[in-house]
């Protein structure tokens, strides 16, 4: 919920090493204004896949599983979750978002 609040407030900070094309893509994906958010525009997902960050990616090869994963964690079996941290369930309620700041309030 904290991330959601930061997105609504427009306060997303990127490390210096973050690729400039990736940064531009993430900013457009996290746009609070739904009428300007990538994936929500006239061209839908084509806006996302047409971003400069994806230019070096061959989508046909990706769909055909011909591109090896850049990182493959070691796993004991298909049910192994040891690569994920344990996060206990919270009984706390998320903070309230005022309707004026909630882009989904009109849905």
N, C-alpha and C. Protein backbone atom coordinates (compact mmCIF):
# COMPACT_ATOMS: atom_id res chain seq x y z
N UNK A 1 0.83 -1.19 0.00
CA UNK A 1 0.00 0.00 0.00
C UNK A 1 0.87 1.25 0.00
N UNK A 2 2.02 1.16 0.64
CA UNK A 2 2.94 2.29 0.67
C UNK A 2 3.43 2.65 -0.72
N UNK A 3 3.70 1.63 -1.52
CA UNK A 3 4.14 1.87 -2.90
C UNK A 3 3.02 2.55 -3.68
N UNK A 4 1.79 2.08 -3.48
CA UNK A 4 0.63 2.66 -4.14
C UNK A 4 0.50 4.14 -3.78
N UNK A 5 0.70 4.47 -2.51
CA UNK A 5 0.63 5.86 -2.05
C UNK A 5 1.70 6.70 -2.74
N UNK A 6 2.91 6.15 -2.85
CA UNK A 6 4.00 6.89 -3.50
C UNK A 6 3.72 7.11 -4.98
N UNK A 7 3.11 6.11 -5.63
CA UNK A 7 2.77 6.26 -7.04
C UNK A 7 1.75 7.39 -7.20
N UNK A 8 0.73 7.38 -6.36
CA UNK A 8 -0.29 8.43 -6.44
C UNK A 8 0.32 9.81 -6.20
N UNK A 9 1.28 9.88 -5.31
CA UNK A 9 1.92 11.16 -5.00
C UNK A 9 2.98 11.52 -6.04
N UNK A 10 3.33 10.57 -6.91
CA UNK A 10 4.35 10.82 -7.93
C UNK A 10 5.76 10.81 -7.37
N UNK A 11 5.96 10.20 -6.23
CA UNK A 11 7.27 10.17 -5.58
C UNK A 11 7.94 8.81 -5.77
N UNK A 12 8.50 8.60 -6.94
CA UNK A 12 9.22 7.37 -7.22
C UNK A 12 10.66 7.78 -7.52
N UNK A 13 11.59 7.24 -6.78
CA UNK A 13 13.00 7.58 -6.96
C UNK A 13 13.74 6.39 -7.54
N UNK A 14 14.65 6.66 -8.46
CA UNK A 14 15.41 5.62 -9.13
C UNK A 14 16.89 5.74 -8.77
N UNK A 15 17.56 4.61 -8.61
CA UNK A 15 19.02 4.67 -8.37
C UNK A 15 19.72 5.20 -9.62
N UNK A 16 20.91 5.75 -9.45
CA UNK A 16 21.66 6.34 -10.57
C UNK A 16 21.98 5.33 -11.66
N UNK A 17 22.16 4.06 -11.28
CA UNK A 17 22.53 3.05 -12.27
C UNK A 17 21.34 2.57 -13.10
N UNK A 18 20.13 3.01 -12.78
CA UNK A 18 18.92 2.57 -13.48
C UNK A 18 18.95 3.07 -14.92
N UNK A 19 18.77 2.18 -15.87
CA UNK A 19 18.79 2.51 -17.29
C UNK A 19 17.77 3.61 -17.60
N UNK A 20 18.16 4.61 -18.41
CA UNK A 20 17.26 5.74 -18.67
C UNK A 20 16.00 5.31 -19.42
N UNK A 21 16.11 4.33 -20.33
CA UNK A 21 14.93 3.86 -21.05
C UNK A 21 14.01 3.05 -20.12
N UNK A 22 14.60 2.29 -19.21
CA UNK A 22 13.79 1.55 -18.23
C UNK A 22 13.08 2.53 -17.30
N UNK A 23 13.78 3.58 -16.92
CA UNK A 23 13.20 4.59 -16.04
C UNK A 23 12.00 5.26 -16.72
N UNK A 24 12.15 5.61 -17.99
CA UNK A 24 11.05 6.23 -18.73
C UNK A 24 9.86 5.29 -18.82
N UNK A 25 10.13 4.00 -19.06
CA UNK A 25 9.06 3.01 -19.15
C UNK A 25 8.33 2.87 -17.81
N UNK A 26 9.08 2.72 -16.74
CA UNK A 26 8.48 2.56 -15.41
C UNK A 26 7.63 3.78 -15.05
N UNK A 27 8.14 4.97 -15.36
CA UNK A 27 7.38 6.19 -15.06
C UNK A 27 6.04 6.20 -15.80
N UNK A 28 6.06 5.73 -17.06
CA UNK A 28 4.81 5.72 -17.83
C UNK A 28 3.87 4.61 -17.38
N UNK A 29 4.42 3.53 -16.83
CA UNK A 29 3.58 2.46 -16.30
C UNK A 29 2.96 2.84 -14.96
N UNK A 30 3.66 3.69 -14.20
CA UNK A 30 3.19 4.09 -12.87
C UNK A 30 2.44 5.42 -12.87
N UNK A 31 2.14 5.93 -14.04
CA UNK A 31 1.43 7.21 -14.16
C UNK A 31 0.09 7.13 -13.41
N UNK A 32 -0.13 8.04 -12.46
CA UNK A 32 -1.37 8.03 -11.69
C UNK A 32 -2.57 8.37 -12.57
N UNK A 33 -2.38 9.23 -13.54
CA UNK A 33 -3.46 9.63 -14.44
C UNK A 33 -3.71 8.49 -15.45
N UNK A 34 -4.83 7.82 -15.30
CA UNK A 34 -5.13 6.65 -16.15
C UNK A 34 -5.17 7.00 -17.63
N UNK A 35 -5.51 8.23 -17.97
CA UNK A 35 -5.60 8.62 -19.38
C UNK A 35 -4.23 8.78 -20.03
N UNK A 36 -3.17 8.75 -19.23
CA UNK A 36 -1.80 8.88 -19.75
C UNK A 36 -0.95 7.65 -19.48
N UNK A 37 -1.49 6.66 -18.79
CA UNK A 37 -0.71 5.50 -18.37
C UNK A 37 -0.54 4.49 -19.51
N UNK A 38 0.69 4.03 -19.69
CA UNK A 38 0.98 2.99 -20.68
C UNK A 38 0.13 1.76 -20.39
N UNK A 39 -0.35 1.14 -21.44
CA UNK A 39 -1.21 -0.02 -21.30
C UNK A 39 -2.67 0.38 -21.25
N UNK A 40 -2.92 1.65 -20.98
CA UNK A 40 -4.28 2.17 -20.89
C UNK A 40 -4.60 3.10 -22.05
N UNK A 41 -3.61 3.34 -22.91
CA UNK A 41 -3.78 4.25 -24.03
C UNK A 41 -4.38 3.52 -25.22
N UNK A 42 -4.58 4.24 -26.31
CA UNK A 42 -5.23 3.69 -27.51
C UNK A 42 -4.54 2.43 -28.02
N UNK A 43 -3.22 2.40 -28.01
CA UNK A 43 -2.48 1.25 -28.55
C UNK A 43 -2.27 0.14 -27.54
N UNK A 44 -2.77 0.29 -26.32
CA UNK A 44 -2.70 -0.75 -25.30
C UNK A 44 -1.29 -1.23 -25.03
N UNK A 45 -1.08 -2.53 -25.06
CA UNK A 45 0.23 -3.10 -24.73
C UNK A 45 1.28 -2.78 -25.78
N UNK A 46 0.86 -2.39 -26.98
CA UNK A 46 1.84 -2.02 -28.02
C UNK A 46 2.67 -0.82 -27.59
N UNK A 47 2.09 0.08 -26.80
CA UNK A 47 2.86 1.22 -26.27
C UNK A 47 4.00 0.73 -25.39
N UNK A 48 3.72 -0.27 -24.59
CA UNK A 48 4.73 -0.82 -23.68
C UNK A 48 5.82 -1.52 -24.48
N UNK A 49 5.43 -2.43 -25.37
CA UNK A 49 6.40 -3.20 -26.13
C UNK A 49 7.16 -2.35 -27.15
N UNK A 50 6.61 -1.19 -27.51
CA UNK A 50 7.29 -0.28 -28.43
C UNK A 50 8.25 0.66 -27.75
N UNK A 51 8.34 0.59 -26.43
CA UNK A 51 9.26 1.44 -25.69
C UNK A 51 10.70 1.10 -26.04
N UNK A 52 11.59 2.11 -25.99
CA UNK A 52 13.00 1.91 -26.35
C UNK A 52 13.68 0.82 -25.52
N UNK A 53 13.22 0.61 -24.30
CA UNK A 53 13.85 -0.39 -23.45
C UNK A 53 13.73 -1.78 -24.05
N UNK A 54 12.69 -2.04 -24.84
CA UNK A 54 12.45 -3.35 -25.44
C UNK A 54 13.06 -3.49 -26.84
N UNK A 55 13.68 -2.43 -27.40
CA UNK A 55 14.16 -2.49 -28.78
C UNK A 55 15.15 -3.61 -29.04
N UNK A 56 16.00 -3.92 -28.10
CA UNK A 56 17.02 -4.97 -28.33
C UNK A 56 16.47 -6.37 -28.09
N UNK A 57 15.22 -6.47 -27.68
CA UNK A 57 14.61 -7.76 -27.36
C UNK A 57 13.86 -8.31 -28.57
N UNK A 58 14.18 -9.52 -28.97
CA UNK A 58 13.47 -10.18 -30.06
C UNK A 58 12.27 -10.91 -29.46
N UNK A 59 11.08 -10.31 -29.62
CA UNK A 59 9.88 -10.86 -28.99
C UNK A 59 9.49 -12.23 -29.55
N UNK A 60 9.77 -12.47 -30.81
CA UNK A 60 9.45 -13.78 -31.41
C UNK A 60 10.28 -14.87 -30.72
N UNK A 61 11.57 -14.59 -30.50
CA UNK A 61 12.43 -15.57 -29.81
C UNK A 61 12.00 -15.74 -28.35
N UNK A 62 11.59 -14.65 -27.74
CA UNK A 62 11.13 -14.72 -26.35
C UNK A 62 9.89 -15.60 -26.25
N UNK A 63 8.94 -15.40 -27.15
CA UNK A 63 7.71 -16.20 -27.15
C UNK A 63 7.99 -17.68 -27.42
N UNK A 64 9.05 -17.95 -28.19
CA UNK A 64 9.40 -19.33 -28.53
C UNK A 64 10.34 -19.95 -27.50
N UNK A 65 10.59 -19.25 -26.38
CA UNK A 65 11.49 -19.73 -25.31
C UNK A 65 12.91 -19.98 -25.84
N UNK A 66 13.35 -19.18 -26.80
CA UNK A 66 14.69 -19.34 -27.38
C UNK A 66 15.72 -18.42 -26.74
N UNK A 67 15.30 -17.57 -25.81
CA UNK A 67 16.21 -16.67 -25.11
C UNK A 67 16.43 -17.23 -23.71
N UNK A 68 17.68 -17.53 -23.36
CA UNK A 68 17.93 -18.08 -22.02
C UNK A 68 17.70 -17.01 -20.94
N UNK A 69 17.26 -17.45 -19.80
CA UNK A 69 17.04 -16.53 -18.68
C UNK A 69 18.39 -15.97 -18.23
N UNK A 70 18.45 -14.67 -17.92
CA UNK A 70 19.73 -14.09 -17.48
C UNK A 70 20.16 -14.60 -16.11
N UNK A 71 19.21 -15.09 -15.33
CA UNK A 71 19.51 -15.62 -14.01
C UNK A 71 18.55 -16.76 -13.72
N UNK A 72 19.08 -17.88 -13.32
CA UNK A 72 18.24 -19.02 -12.99
C UNK A 72 18.63 -19.50 -11.60
N UNK A 73 17.77 -19.24 -10.60
CA UNK A 73 18.12 -19.65 -9.23
C UNK A 73 18.11 -21.17 -9.09
N UNK A 74 18.89 -21.65 -8.17
CA UNK A 74 18.90 -23.09 -7.92
C UNK A 74 17.64 -23.47 -7.17
N UNK A 75 17.06 -24.59 -7.57
CA UNK A 75 15.83 -25.08 -6.94
C UNK A 75 15.95 -26.58 -6.71
N UNK A 76 15.39 -27.02 -5.58
CA UNK A 76 15.39 -28.45 -5.26
C UNK A 76 14.39 -29.20 -6.14
N UNK A 77 13.22 -28.58 -6.35
CA UNK A 77 12.17 -29.16 -7.19
C UNK A 77 11.21 -28.04 -7.58
N UNK A 78 10.13 -28.36 -8.27
CA UNK A 78 9.18 -27.36 -8.74
C UNK A 78 8.42 -26.67 -7.61
N UNK A 79 8.40 -27.26 -6.43
CA UNK A 79 7.68 -26.70 -5.29
C UNK A 79 8.59 -25.90 -4.35
N UNK A 80 9.87 -25.77 -4.68
CA UNK A 80 10.85 -25.11 -3.82
C UNK A 80 10.60 -23.59 -3.77
N UNK A 81 10.34 -23.07 -2.59
CA UNK A 81 10.13 -21.63 -2.41
C UNK A 81 11.24 -20.99 -1.57
N UNK A 82 12.37 -21.68 -1.43
CA UNK A 82 13.44 -21.20 -0.55
C UNK A 82 14.09 -19.91 -1.07
N UNK A 83 13.86 -19.55 -2.33
CA UNK A 83 14.43 -18.31 -2.87
C UNK A 83 13.59 -17.09 -2.53
N UNK A 84 12.47 -17.29 -1.85
CA UNK A 84 11.60 -16.19 -1.46
C UNK A 84 11.67 -16.00 0.05
N UNK A 85 11.60 -14.73 0.47
CA UNK A 85 11.63 -14.48 1.90
C UNK A 85 10.27 -14.76 2.52
N UNK A 86 10.29 -15.09 3.80
CA UNK A 86 9.06 -15.35 4.54
C UNK A 86 8.49 -14.01 5.01
N UNK A 87 7.28 -13.70 4.60
CA UNK A 87 6.62 -12.47 5.03
C UNK A 87 5.33 -12.88 5.74
N UNK A 88 5.26 -12.63 7.04
CA UNK A 88 4.06 -13.04 7.77
C UNK A 88 2.85 -12.20 7.34
N UNK A 89 1.68 -12.81 7.42
CA UNK A 89 0.45 -12.10 7.13
C UNK A 89 0.27 -10.97 8.13
N UNK A 90 -0.26 -9.87 7.66
CA UNK A 90 -0.48 -8.72 8.53
C UNK A 90 -1.95 -8.61 8.86
N UNK A 91 -2.23 -8.25 10.10
CA UNK A 91 -3.61 -8.04 10.51
C UNK A 91 -3.96 -6.56 10.43
N UNK A 92 -2.96 -5.74 10.07
CA UNK A 92 -3.19 -4.30 9.96
C UNK A 92 -3.98 -4.00 8.69
N UNK A 93 -4.80 -2.97 8.76
CA UNK A 93 -5.50 -2.50 7.58
C UNK A 93 -4.61 -1.50 6.86
N UNK A 94 -4.66 -1.46 5.53
CA UNK A 94 -3.84 -0.48 4.81
C UNK A 94 -4.34 0.94 5.08
N UNK A 95 -3.47 1.93 4.90
CA UNK A 95 -3.90 3.30 5.13
C UNK A 95 -5.00 3.70 4.15
N UNK A 96 -5.88 4.57 4.57
CA UNK A 96 -6.98 5.02 3.73
C UNK A 96 -6.47 6.01 2.69
N UNK A 97 -6.92 5.82 1.45
CA UNK A 97 -6.57 6.74 0.37
C UNK A 97 -7.78 7.64 0.15
N UNK A 98 -7.60 8.96 0.24
CA UNK A 98 -8.73 9.85 -0.01
C UNK A 98 -9.26 9.65 -1.43
N UNK A 99 -10.56 9.72 -1.61
CA UNK A 99 -11.18 9.50 -2.92
C UNK A 99 -10.62 10.44 -3.97
N UNK A 100 -10.22 11.64 -3.58
CA UNK A 100 -9.67 12.61 -4.54
C UNK A 100 -8.32 12.16 -5.10
N UNK A 101 -7.63 11.25 -4.41
CA UNK A 101 -6.32 10.77 -4.86
C UNK A 101 -6.39 9.35 -5.42
N UNK A 102 -7.54 8.73 -5.37
CA UNK A 102 -7.67 7.35 -5.80
C UNK A 102 -8.17 7.28 -7.25
N UNK A 103 -7.31 6.85 -8.20
CA UNK A 103 -7.73 6.81 -9.60
C UNK A 103 -8.78 5.74 -9.87
N UNK A 104 -9.00 4.83 -8.93
CA UNK A 104 -9.97 3.76 -9.12
C UNK A 104 -11.30 4.05 -8.42
N UNK A 105 -11.44 5.24 -7.84
CA UNK A 105 -12.64 5.56 -7.07
C UNK A 105 -13.89 5.59 -7.95
N UNK A 106 -13.73 5.92 -9.22
CA UNK A 106 -14.89 6.02 -10.12
C UNK A 106 -15.24 4.72 -10.79
N UNK A 107 -14.53 3.64 -10.51
CA UNK A 107 -14.79 2.37 -11.19
C UNK A 107 -16.01 1.75 -10.67
